[in-house]
């Protein structure tokens, strides 16, 4: 996880629920911040560390569904767990459809809550690492020359050096030089490493889409 201790934000208009969840999570060594409304939380969300959100699906001002929609609009990528009563299962399913990663049906046991929160924190940590890697790869891509990028596109599309050379109208030896340069700039240890980077950056998908659009 990140170097900072993860923080879980509990949003519920019921003070008793907030206190119980804070106690359960706090007893497990998890830092908790509580909020009595989604509207109030949304006002501060850009300025606070949030590694997981637990929210009731039914609240008087903004519901858990409304909160999820606003978080998506604000591009706040935080794992959200929804708390629901038995009759609110359709709402919980809708919440998961628009971004919640789990829902807890009342009443739930301590171990169920802790398992869900720990899973959310692990997922959030993986997502942050993936985004950091994607950003690093995209930064390296900007350092490639146009010709190096052409060679990269050919390599990740599975074309051999000779075919890339033919398509670009240059020699196979020149392709080898470009390939060596781009491998160095991308800090790739092998062709498979380069392909993995292309997948993370979305290059491989966009190339496949372009190729499929050209076939008739």
Protein backbone atom coordinates (compact mmCIF):
# COMPACT_ATOMS: atom_id res chain seq x y z
CA UNK A 1 0.00 0.00 0.00
CA UNK A 2 0.98 3.64 -0.06
CA UNK A 3 3.46 4.92 2.50
CA UNK A 4 0.62 6.69 4.35
CA UNK A 5 -1.68 4.60 6.51
CA UNK A 6 -4.93 3.96 4.61
CA UNK A 7 -8.04 5.90 5.64
CA UNK A 8 -11.59 4.60 5.35
CA UNK A 9 -14.41 7.15 5.14
CA UNK A 10 -17.78 6.10 6.55
CA UNK A 11 -20.80 8.04 5.27
CA UNK A 12 -24.14 7.45 6.99
CA UNK A 13 -26.84 9.72 8.35
CA UNK A 14 -27.33 7.37 11.32
CA UNK A 15 -24.90 8.34 14.09
CA UNK A 16 -25.17 4.94 15.78
CA UNK A 17 -24.13 3.19 12.56
CA UNK A 18 -21.20 5.55 12.10
CA UNK A 19 -20.00 4.90 15.65
CA UNK A 20 -20.30 1.13 15.34
CA UNK A 21 -18.43 1.00 12.02
CA UNK A 22 -15.73 3.33 13.32
CA UNK A 23 -15.28 1.13 16.39
CA UNK A 24 -15.18 -2.11 14.39
CA UNK A 25 -12.62 -0.78 11.92
CA UNK A 26 -10.63 1.09 14.53
CA UNK A 27 -10.34 -2.08 16.63
CA UNK A 28 -8.70 -3.71 13.60
CA UNK A 29 -6.14 -0.91 13.37
CA UNK A 30 -7.79 0.88 10.43
CA UNK A 31 -8.03 4.68 10.48
CA UNK A 32 -11.60 5.93 10.02
CA UNK A 33 -13.22 9.29 9.28
CA UNK A 34 -17.01 9.59 9.61
CA UNK A 35 -19.45 11.87 7.78
CA UNK A 36 -23.17 12.35 8.33
CA UNK A 37 -23.99 13.16 4.70
CA UNK A 38 -22.70 12.46 1.21
CA UNK A 39 -23.06 16.14 0.29
CA UNK A 40 -20.68 17.20 3.05
CA UNK A 41 -18.18 14.51 2.08
CA UNK A 42 -18.22 15.58 -1.57
CA UNK A 43 -17.24 19.11 -0.56
CA UNK A 44 -13.98 17.87 0.97
CA UNK A 45 -13.20 14.82 -1.16
CA UNK A 46 -10.67 16.63 -3.40
CA UNK A 47 -8.61 17.61 -0.35
CA UNK A 48 -8.58 14.44 1.75
CA UNK A 49 -6.86 11.08 1.58
CA UNK A 50 -9.50 8.47 0.83
CA UNK A 51 -8.49 4.84 0.32
CA UNK A 52 -11.96 3.33 0.76
CA UNK A 53 -15.51 4.64 1.20
CA UNK A 54 -18.33 2.91 3.04
CA UNK A 55 -21.72 4.49 2.40
CA UNK A 56 -25.33 3.72 3.19
CA UNK A 57 -27.36 3.31 0.03
CA UNK A 58 -30.32 5.30 1.45
CA UNK A 59 -29.68 8.78 2.85
CA UNK A 60 -31.95 11.84 2.99
CA UNK A 61 -29.93 14.34 0.92
CA UNK A 62 -27.73 12.42 -1.50
CA UNK A 63 -28.10 8.65 -1.64
CA UNK A 64 -25.26 6.18 -2.03
CA UNK A 65 -26.21 5.92 -5.71
CA UNK A 66 -25.97 9.71 -6.09
CA UNK A 67 -22.61 9.67 -4.35
CA UNK A 68 -21.23 7.04 -6.74
CA UNK A 69 -22.39 9.05 -9.75
CA UNK A 70 -20.78 12.24 -8.42
CA UNK A 71 -17.51 10.45 -7.63
CA UNK A 72 -17.44 9.14 -11.18
CA UNK A 73 -18.10 12.63 -12.56
CA UNK A 74 -15.28 13.98 -10.40
CA UNK A 75 -13.02 11.11 -11.54
CA UNK A 76 -12.36 10.08 -7.93
CA UNK A 77 -11.20 6.48 -8.22
CA UNK A 78 -11.79 5.19 -4.69
CA UNK A 79 -13.20 1.73 -3.88
CA UNK A 80 -16.75 2.11 -2.55
CA UNK A 81 -18.61 -0.39 -0.36
CA UNK A 82 -22.37 0.10 -0.06
CA UNK A 83 -24.37 -0.77 3.07
CA UNK A 84 -27.90 -1.93 2.37
CA UNK A 85 -30.99 -3.21 4.15
CA UNK A 86 -32.59 -6.43 2.89
CA UNK A 87 -35.20 -4.58 0.83
CA UNK A 88 -32.57 -2.47 -0.91
CA UNK A 89 -30.83 -5.26 -2.82
CA UNK A 90 -31.90 -3.86 -6.23
CA UNK A 91 -30.33 -0.54 -5.24
CA UNK A 92 -27.16 -2.33 -4.15
CA UNK A 93 -26.97 -4.10 -7.50
CA UNK A 94 -27.44 -0.76 -9.25
CA UNK A 95 -24.64 0.68 -7.09
CA UNK A 96 -22.28 -2.07 -8.20
CA UNK A 97 -23.27 -1.49 -11.81
CA UNK A 98 -22.10 2.11 -11.57
CA UNK A 99 -18.91 1.49 -9.64
CA UNK A 100 -19.31 0.07 -6.12
CA UNK A 101 -17.07 -2.94 -5.54
CA UNK A 102 -19.16 -4.64 -2.85
CA UNK A 103 -22.31 -4.34 -0.78
CA UNK A 104 -22.95 -5.43 2.78
CA UNK A 105 -26.45 -6.46 3.75
CA UNK A 106 -27.50 -5.52 7.30
CA UNK A 107 -26.88 -7.02 9.75
CA UNK A 108 -23.34 -8.13 8.91
CA UNK A 109 -20.64 -9.69 11.06
CA UNK A 110 -17.40 -7.91 11.95
CA UNK A 111 -15.33 -10.35 9.92
CA UNK A 112 -17.47 -9.74 6.83
CA UNK A 113 -16.95 -5.99 7.13
CA UNK A 114 -13.20 -6.34 7.68
CA UNK A 115 -12.78 -8.77 4.78
CA UNK A 116 -14.61 -6.41 2.43
CA UNK A 117 -12.63 -3.36 3.55
CA UNK A 118 -9.27 -5.13 3.32
CA UNK A 119 -10.15 -6.38 -0.16
CA UNK A 120 -11.10 -2.82 -1.16
CA UNK A 121 -7.85 -1.41 0.21
CA UNK A 122 -5.82 -4.06 -1.63
CA UNK A 123 -7.68 -3.31 -4.84
CA UNK A 124 -7.17 0.43 -4.43
CA UNK A 125 -3.45 -0.14 -3.90
CA UNK A 126 -3.22 -2.26 -7.05
CA UNK A 127 -5.11 0.38 -9.02
CA UNK A 128 -2.75 3.14 -7.84
CA UNK A 129 0.31 1.09 -8.78
CA UNK A 130 -1.19 0.30 -12.18
CA UNK A 131 -1.93 3.97 -12.82
CA UNK A 132 1.59 4.94 -11.74
CA UNK A 133 3.04 2.38 -14.15
CA UNK A 134 0.76 3.58 -16.95
CA UNK A 135 1.87 7.17 -16.37
CA UNK A 136 5.52 6.14 -16.42
CA UNK A 137 5.10 4.22 -19.69
CA UNK A 138 3.24 7.09 -21.35
CA UNK A 139 6.02 9.45 -20.30
CA UNK A 140 8.58 7.17 -21.95
CA UNK A 141 6.46 6.99 -25.11
CA UNK A 142 6.65 10.76 -25.50
CA UNK A 143 10.44 10.43 -25.70
CA UNK A 144 10.30 8.26 -28.82
CA UNK A 145 10.89 9.72 -32.26
CA UNK A 146 8.15 9.31 -34.87
CA UNK A 147 10.11 6.55 -36.60
CA UNK A 148 10.77 4.73 -33.31
CA UNK A 149 7.06 4.89 -32.62
CA UNK A 150 6.34 3.41 -36.07
CA UNK A 151 8.70 0.54 -35.31
CA UNK A 152 7.09 0.06 -31.89
CA UNK A 153 3.64 -0.15 -33.48
CA UNK A 154 4.90 -2.77 -35.90
CA UNK A 155 6.58 -4.84 -33.20
CA UNK A 156 3.60 -4.93 -30.85
CA UNK A 157 1.39 -5.86 -33.82
CA UNK A 158 3.55 -8.97 -34.21
CA UNK A 159 5.28 -8.05 -37.45
CA UNK A 160 8.85 -9.27 -38.09
CA UNK A 161 11.64 -6.76 -38.71
CA UNK A 162 11.69 -7.42 -42.46
CA UNK A 163 8.00 -6.70 -42.83
CA UNK A 164 8.26 -3.50 -40.80
CA UNK A 165 11.24 -2.46 -42.93
CA UNK A 166 9.27 -3.10 -46.13
CA UNK A 167 6.24 -1.15 -44.89
CA UNK A 168 8.37 1.81 -43.78
CA UNK A 169 10.62 1.73 -46.86
CA UNK A 170 13.86 1.37 -44.92
CA UNK A 171 16.41 -1.40 -44.43
CA UNK A 172 16.09 -4.23 -41.93
CA UNK A 173 19.41 -3.12 -40.37
CA UNK A 174 17.94 0.34 -39.76
CA UNK A 175 14.89 -1.29 -38.13
CA UNK A 176 17.24 -3.16 -35.80
CA UNK A 177 18.85 0.14 -34.79
CA UNK A 178 15.47 1.76 -34.15
CA UNK A 179 14.41 -1.30 -32.21
CA UNK A 180 17.50 -1.15 -30.01
CA UNK A 181 16.94 2.56 -29.39
CA UNK A 182 13.30 2.21 -28.43
CA UNK A 183 14.02 -0.77 -26.18
CA UNK A 184 16.57 1.38 -24.36
CA UNK A 185 14.25 4.40 -24.12
CA UNK A 186 11.34 2.28 -22.92
CA UNK A 187 13.64 0.41 -20.52
CA UNK A 188 12.23 -2.84 -21.84
CA UNK A 189 14.20 -6.02 -21.10
CA UNK A 190 12.60 -8.07 -23.88
CA UNK A 191 10.03 -7.95 -26.65
CA UNK A 192 7.46 -9.48 -24.32
CA UNK A 193 8.17 -6.68 -21.83
CA UNK A 194 7.58 -4.17 -24.62
CA UNK A 195 4.28 -5.82 -25.51
CA UNK A 196 3.22 -5.75 -21.85
CA UNK A 197 3.93 -2.02 -21.77
CA UNK A 198 1.92 -1.52 -24.93
CA UNK A 199 -1.01 -3.34 -23.36
CA UNK A 200 -0.86 -1.17 -20.24
CA UNK A 201 -0.63 2.03 -22.29
CA UNK A 202 -3.47 0.92 -24.57
CA UNK A 203 -1.34 0.91 -27.72
CA UNK A 204 -2.01 -2.73 -28.56
CA UNK A 205 -5.78 -2.30 -28.23
CA UNK A 206 -5.87 0.80 -30.42
CA UNK A 207 -3.70 -0.87 -33.06
CA UNK A 208 -6.00 -3.89 -33.08
CA UNK A 209 -9.03 -1.63 -33.47
CA UNK A 210 -7.39 0.21 -36.33
CA UNK A 211 -6.45 -3.05 -38.04
CA UNK A 212 -9.96 -4.45 -37.67
CA UNK A 213 -11.37 -1.25 -39.12
CA UNK A 214 -9.23 -1.66 -42.21
CA UNK A 215 -10.33 -5.21 -42.96
CA UNK A 216 -13.37 -5.59 -45.18
